[in-house]
Amino acid sequence: MWNKWTLSKKIMASVGLILILTLVGMAYNLWTLDRMTSQYEQMISNDVMKMKAADDLALGMVRQAYGVRGYVLVQDDERKQQITQGGEEKKAAIESLIELADNESERKEFEALLEYATGYDELATQAITAIDSKDQEAIDRLTLRLMPDVTKSIASTGDALQTETEEKMFAMQTELQEASQRAFWYSVVIAVVSFILTMGAGYAISHMVTAPLRFLAKEVDVVAEGDLTREDLQALTQDEIGQLMTGFNRMKGNLRELIDRVTQNAQEITAQSEELYASTEEMASQTEETTRLIDRIVEETVAQAKEATGTSQAVAAADEGIGRIAGSIGSIDDDVSQSLMLAEEGGATMAQAKDEVLALERETRLTGESISALKQQSDEIALITEVIQSITDQTNLLALNAAIEAARAGEQGKGFAVVAEEVRKLAEQSKQSATQIAGLIESIQAQSNAVLDQHVVSAKRVETNTLLLERATRAFEQIVSQLETSVDNTSHIRIASHEIAETTKQVATSSLQMSQDSEGMADTMRTVGETADAQLAMIQELNGVAESLGNMTSDLQTLIGKFTT
């Protein structure tokens, strides 16, 4: 089965096997590292939460202990609240430890710790009762003997928990480092094995490819030397090397058969080329005699054709001149007709432009009247604005007098003073508005004066354009009259030139026919002569080819003699 595979399949199979082994090893290392990392992360998470819970437990114990001592000194609600808060924090921390317990023994240990904490809460409650009742003996017994013992027990349990957690974390870290080292060495082993397998596969593939190719190269050198008698190569595989050997065997067989056939054909061609050379020599002599006779006939025919051509050329020149005259007259007629049409269109356009300019003159006159009316109205508005400003000044003065009178009236004139002040403000606003209106009116008057001046200039230009258009209209009418006369004259000339051209064409046709007949005969004889010359050249070339063919067959037989079949 291996011998039937192609080289590409063999190479892909070898490389694929190496890649599979490498990937399996790498996957195992990755799986091991991922598993250890997950375990380490889970342990870190639980242990950190345990250490936090232990810290919360210690904080609750401290808060509760300080609360009891503070309550001994100061009996207030804040110390009671501190004792209660410390107990709740302590209880919550122990419950968290119970949930994070790794095994049953650890859970039982945390549950026992919860009982200690509950007992401590009861002792704290008894201490509060003793403090409230002023029972000093009970206070000393609780705060100096019982409660410190429970606190030490709980604190020792928390310290042991932290110590145990730190030891577990260190052990897991050590195990993770060992696993990392194992994975590293596994990777090194896999890399070494992959390198060895790759080198082995490369050597095997190189041996499978280069050895047959070297053997095949030697056989090719033997064939290149001309030896075709050696036995065919034995293809032991069906890959590309085997296919190459089979193709080489077919090529050598085809080459042997080809050389045998070429040898036979070369011998036959040599005999036939000798016969062809003798035949072409005889045909060449006969063709040379025929060519000399044809050259004499061509010379006589060419002389006759030259005489007929001279007459035809003279008549053709006259016909061409008359044709150019007729064409020029026709072009002049067309140009004059087109000029007449354009002049008529230009006259109509000028008339239309004149009407438009007259309409523009009327509109310009109306626009000037409107601008004059607008200027007059602006002047009237300016007068009205001056009156308004005068009224506002008087109103302002009256409001000032009213304010003075109101001030003299004292309390009774306060309302009147307010009204006078409002009237004065309105007068000031009216004065400002009138001033703005006056400014706008001055701007409008300036623009109206500028527009009016421009309108006067435009009116003068419109009047000038009207006079120019009237002159242009009269000029176009004269041009149209002269062009109509030119059209009639060119029509008569064109008819006469056409009659002369027809008569000249008849004479030219007769002369041209005579010349063409003579030239046709000369061309025919010249073609026959060229054909004879070409035939003679071909016979001479064929003679040379026959001689070259004989030489080539001799050379071919010499080359074929180098091969041994």
Foldseek 3Di string as FASTA:
>chain_A
DVQADALVVLVCVLVVVLVVLLVVLVVVLVVLLVVLVVVLVVLVVLLVLLLVLLVLLLVLLVQLLVLLVVCLVPVDVVSVVSNVVSLVSNLVSLVSQLVSDPDDVSNVVSVVLNVLSVVLSVLSVVLSVCSVVVVVVSNCCSSPPPNVVSSVVSNVVSVVSNVVSVVVSVVSVVVSVVSVVVSVVSSVVSVVVSVVSVVVSVVVSCCVPVVLVVVVVVVVVVVVLFELPDDQDDQPGNYPSSVVSVVVRVVSVVVVVVLVVLLVVLVVLLVVLVVLLVVLVVVLVVLVVVLVVLVVVLVVLVVQLVVLVVQLVVLVVVLVVLVVVLVVLVVVLVVLVVVLVVLVVVLVVLVVVLVVLVVVLVVLVVVLVVLVVVLVVLVVVLVVLVVLLVVLVVLLVVLVVLLVVLVVVPPVSPVVNVVSVVSNVVSVVSNVVSVVSNVVSVVSNVVSVVVNVVSVVVSVVSVVVSVVSVVVSVVSVVSSVVSVVVSVVSVVVSVVSVVVSVVSVVSSVVSVVSSVVSVVVSVVSVVVSVVSVVVSVVSVVSSVVSVVSSVVSVVSSVVSVSHDD
